Amino acid sequence: AVVSTQSTGSKHARHALVVTWAEKGAGIWYSGGTSGLKYTDPKQHKVDENVTVCDAFEVTNIVDSIGAGDTFTAGFIYGVVRLGVESLPECILRACKLASQKLQVHGLKLNSV
């Protein structure tokens, strides 16, 4: 997914590219650097000035993997709409959590967003 933002009164947009790595988690590359981003969980960490990652949640009993990627995408989009682009690390954290929950059930029965 590619996310583009532009602050009010700013001439420069900030772009982000979200990449998923299945059982390894997800990462975000930022064109404008990671300054000003919010980190709320130890699973989120800055790799360098332009990259943030979220480690995957451990899943011990995979029941059904069909739709896990779609669940990640839906959780990420929901997070961007609900929390805003300043919270992209939180968005991928929630998306990784939802995808891990999806792996543990048949079909789609999630507890929370």
C-alpha atoms as a PDB file:
ATOM      1  CA  ALA A   1       0.000   0.000   0.000  1.00  0.00           C
ATOM      2  CA  VAL A   2       1.208   3.523  -0.692  1.00  0.00           C
ATOM      3  CA  VAL A   3       0.054   6.369   1.547  1.00  0.00           C
ATOM      4  CA  SER A   4       0.582  10.018   0.662  1.00  0.00           C
ATOM      5  CA  THR A   5       0.041  12.925   3.024  1.00  0.00           C
ATOM      6  CA  GLN A   6       0.492  16.652   2.884  1.00  0.00           C
ATOM      7  CA  SER A   7       0.242  19.021   5.824  1.00  0.00           C
ATOM      8  CA  THR A   8      -1.886  22.130   5.526  1.00  0.00           C
ATOM      9  CA  GLY A   9       0.229  24.976   4.170  1.00  0.00           C
ATOM     10  CA  SER A  10       3.054  22.637   3.160  1.00  0.00           C
ATOM     11  CA  LYS A  11       4.335  22.352  -0.397  1.00  0.00           C
ATOM     12  CA  HIS A  12       5.827  18.910   0.175  1.00  0.00           C
ATOM     13  CA  ALA A  13       3.939  15.655   0.486  1.00  0.00           C
ATOM     14  CA  ARG A  14       5.160  12.849   2.711  1.00  0.00           C
ATOM     15  CA  HIS A  15       4.889   9.406   1.148  1.00  0.00           C
ATOM     16  CA  ALA A  16       4.908   6.014   2.832  1.00  0.00           C
ATOM     17  CA  LEU A  17       5.159   2.515   1.404  1.00  0.00           C
ATOM     18  CA  VAL A  18       3.768  -0.319   3.544  1.00  0.00           C
ATOM     19  CA  VAL A  19       5.268  -3.769   2.995  1.00  0.00           C
ATOM     20  CA  THR A  20       4.099  -7.013   4.604  1.00  0.00           C
ATOM     21  CA  TRP A  21       6.442  -9.925   5.321  1.00  0.00           C
ATOM     22  CA  ALA A  22       3.904 -12.602   6.325  1.00  0.00           C
ATOM     23  CA  GLU A  23       5.147 -14.297   9.507  1.00  0.00           C
ATOM     24  CA  LYS A  24       7.844 -11.646  10.019  1.00  0.00           C
ATOM     25  CA  GLY A  25       5.439  -8.679  10.368  1.00  0.00           C
ATOM     26  CA  ALA A  26       5.286  -5.475   8.326  1.00  0.00           C
ATOM     27  CA  GLY A  27       7.305  -2.370   7.611  1.00  0.00           C
ATOM     28  CA  ILE A  28       6.870   1.208   6.446  1.00  0.00           C
ATOM     29  CA  TRP A  29       9.341   3.224   4.376  1.00  0.00           C
ATOM     30  CA  TYR A  30       8.897   7.006   4.629  1.00  0.00           C
ATOM     31  CA  SER A  31      10.117   9.524   2.075  1.00  0.00           C
ATOM     32  CA  GLY A  32      10.215  12.312   4.667  1.00  0.00           C
ATOM     33  CA  GLY A  33      11.783  10.431   7.578  1.00  0.00           C
ATOM     34  CA  THR A  34      10.228   9.011  10.721  1.00  0.00           C
ATOM     35  CA  SER A  35      10.315  12.107  12.913  1.00  0.00           C
ATOM     36  CA  GLY A  36       7.020  12.934  14.614  1.00  0.00           C
ATOM     37  CA  LEU A  37       5.631   9.391  14.416  1.00  0.00           C
ATOM     38  CA  LYS A  38       4.003   7.766  17.448  1.00  0.00           C
ATOM     39  CA  TYR A  39       5.256   4.415  18.785  1.00  0.00           C
ATOM     40  CA  THR A  40       2.952   2.753  21.338  1.00  0.00           C
ATOM     41  CA  ASP A  41       4.175  -0.845  21.537  1.00  0.00           C
ATOM     42  CA  PRO A  42       7.527  -2.676  21.822  1.00  0.00           C
ATOM     43  CA  LYS A  43       6.704  -4.558  18.606  1.00  0.00           C
ATOM     44  CA  GLN A  44       7.093  -1.236  16.738  1.00  0.00           C
ATOM     45  CA  HIS A  45      10.593   0.062  16.229  1.00  0.00           C
ATOM     46  CA  LYS A  46      12.515   2.401  14.007  1.00  0.00           C
ATOM     47  CA  VAL A  47      15.167   0.634  11.906  1.00  0.00           C
ATOM     48  CA  ASP A  48      16.684   3.809  10.508  1.00  0.00           C
ATOM     49  CA  GLU A  49      15.654   7.370   9.660  1.00  0.00           C
ATOM     50  CA  ASN A  50      13.225   6.216   6.952  1.00  0.00           C
ATOM     51  CA  VAL A  51      12.022   2.766   8.047  1.00  0.00           C
ATOM     52  CA  THR A  52       9.708   1.555  10.831  1.00  0.00           C
ATOM     53  CA  VAL A  53       8.815  -2.104  11.378  1.00  0.00           C
ATOM     54  CA  CYS A  54       6.247  -4.002  13.396  1.00  0.00           C
ATOM     55  CA  ASP A  55       7.174  -7.525  14.404  1.00  0.00           C
ATOM     56  CA  ALA A  56       4.592 -10.224  13.801  1.00  0.00           C
ATOM     57  CA  PHE A  57       2.443 -11.540  16.623  1.00  0.00           C
ATOM     58  CA  GLU A  58       3.189 -15.142  17.564  1.00  0.00           C
ATOM     59  CA  VAL A  59       0.584 -17.609  16.369  1.00  0.00           C
ATOM     60  CA  THR A  60       0.869 -21.138  17.733  1.00  0.00           C
ATOM     61  CA  ASN A  61      -2.186 -22.680  16.073  1.00  0.00           C
ATOM     62  CA  ILE A  62      -2.808 -21.683  12.452  1.00  0.00           C
ATOM     63  CA  VAL A  63      -6.298 -22.832  11.503  1.00  0.00           C
ATOM     64  CA  ASP A  64      -7.014 -20.942   8.267  1.00  0.00           C
ATOM     65  CA  SER A  65      -4.647 -18.630   6.387  1.00  0.00           C
ATOM     66  CA  ILE A  66      -7.066 -17.676   3.606  1.00  0.00           C
ATOM     67  CA  GLY A  67      -7.854 -13.985   3.905  1.00  0.00           C
ATOM     68  CA  ALA A  68      -5.084 -13.072   6.371  1.00  0.00           C
ATOM     69  CA  GLY A  69      -3.543 -10.612   3.906  1.00  0.00           C
ATOM     70  CA  ASP A  70      -6.932  -9.077   3.180  1.00  0.00           C
ATOM     71  CA  THR A  71      -7.526  -8.778   6.925  1.00  0.00           C
ATOM     72  CA  PHE A  72      -4.177  -6.988   7.311  1.00  0.00           C
ATOM     73  CA  THR A  73      -5.098  -4.559   4.515  1.00  0.00           C
ATOM     74  CA  ALA A  74      -8.555  -3.877   5.958  1.00  0.00           C
ATOM     75  CA  GLY A  75      -7.082  -3.297   9.429  1.00  0.00           C
ATOM     76  CA  PHE A  76      -4.461  -0.944   8.026  1.00  0.00           C
ATOM     77  CA  ILE A  77      -6.990   1.110   6.038  1.00  0.00           C
ATOM     78  CA  TYR A  78      -9.305   1.256   9.049  1.00  0.00           C
ATOM     79  CA  GLY A  79      -6.400   2.507  11.164  1.00  0.00           C
ATOM     80  CA  VAL A  80      -5.447   5.243   8.690  1.00  0.00           C
ATOM     81  CA  VAL A  81      -9.037   6.465   8.463  1.00  0.00           C
ATOM     82  CA  ARG A  82      -9.654   6.280  12.207  1.00  0.00           C
ATOM     83  CA  LEU A  83      -6.256   7.345  13.612  1.00  0.00           C
ATOM     84  CA  GLY A  84      -4.726   9.409  10.816  1.00  0.00           C
ATOM     85  CA  VAL A  85      -1.436   9.065   9.004  1.00  0.00           C
ATOM     86  CA  GLU A  86       0.603  10.373  11.965  1.00  0.00           C
ATOM     87  CA  SER A  87      -0.147   7.009  13.583  1.00  0.00           C
ATOM     88  CA  LEU A  88       1.057   4.709  10.785  1.00  0.00           C
ATOM     89  CA  PRO A  89       3.118   2.603  13.237  1.00  0.00           C
ATOM     90  CA  GLU A  90      -0.092   2.038  15.244  1.00  0.00           C
ATOM     91  CA  CYS A  91      -1.954   1.213  12.008  1.00  0.00           C
ATOM     92  CA  ILE A  92       0.457  -1.576  11.060  1.00  0.00           C
ATOM     93  CA  LEU A  93       0.485  -2.825  14.661  1.00  0.00           C
ATOM     94  CA  ARG A  94      -3.308  -3.193  14.612  1.00  0.00           C
ATOM     95  CA  ALA A  95      -3.223  -4.707  11.125  1.00  0.00           C
ATOM     96  CA  CYS A  96      -0.634  -7.311  12.195  1.00  0.00           C
ATOM     97  CA  LYS A  97      -2.710  -8.125  15.287  1.00  0.00           C
ATOM     98  CA  LEU A  98      -5.895  -8.598  13.241  1.00  0.00           C
ATOM     99  CA  ALA A  99      -4.119 -10.794  10.671  1.00  0.00           C
ATOM    100  CA  SER A 100      -2.722 -12.971  13.475  1.00  0.00           C
ATOM    101  CA  GLN A 101      -6.232 -13.337  14.942  1.00  0.00           C
ATOM    102  CA  LYS A 102      -7.587 -14.286  11.514  1.00  0.00           C
ATOM    103  CA  LEU A 103      -5.035 -17.113  11.214  1.00  0.00           C
ATOM    104  CA  GLN A 104      -6.476 -18.747  14.333  1.00  0.00           C
ATOM    105  CA  VAL A 105     -10.122 -19.087  13.182  1.00  0.00           C
ATOM    106  CA  HIS A 106     -12.043 -20.549  10.269  1.00  0.00           C
ATOM    107  CA  GLY A 107     -13.574 -17.774   8.192  1.00  0.00           C
ATOM    108  CA  LEU A 108     -13.595 -14.341   9.769  1.00  0.00           C
ATOM    109  CA  LYS A 109     -14.553 -13.977  13.431  1.00  0.00           C
ATOM    110  CA  LEU A 110     -12.471 -11.284  15.085  1.00  0.00           C
ATOM    111  CA  ASN A 111     -12.758 -10.017  18.657  1.00  0.00           C
ATOM    112  CA  SER A 112     -11.826  -6.364  18.164  1.00  0.00           C
ATOM    113  CA  VAL A 113     -10.060  -3.824  15.986  1.00  0.00           C
END
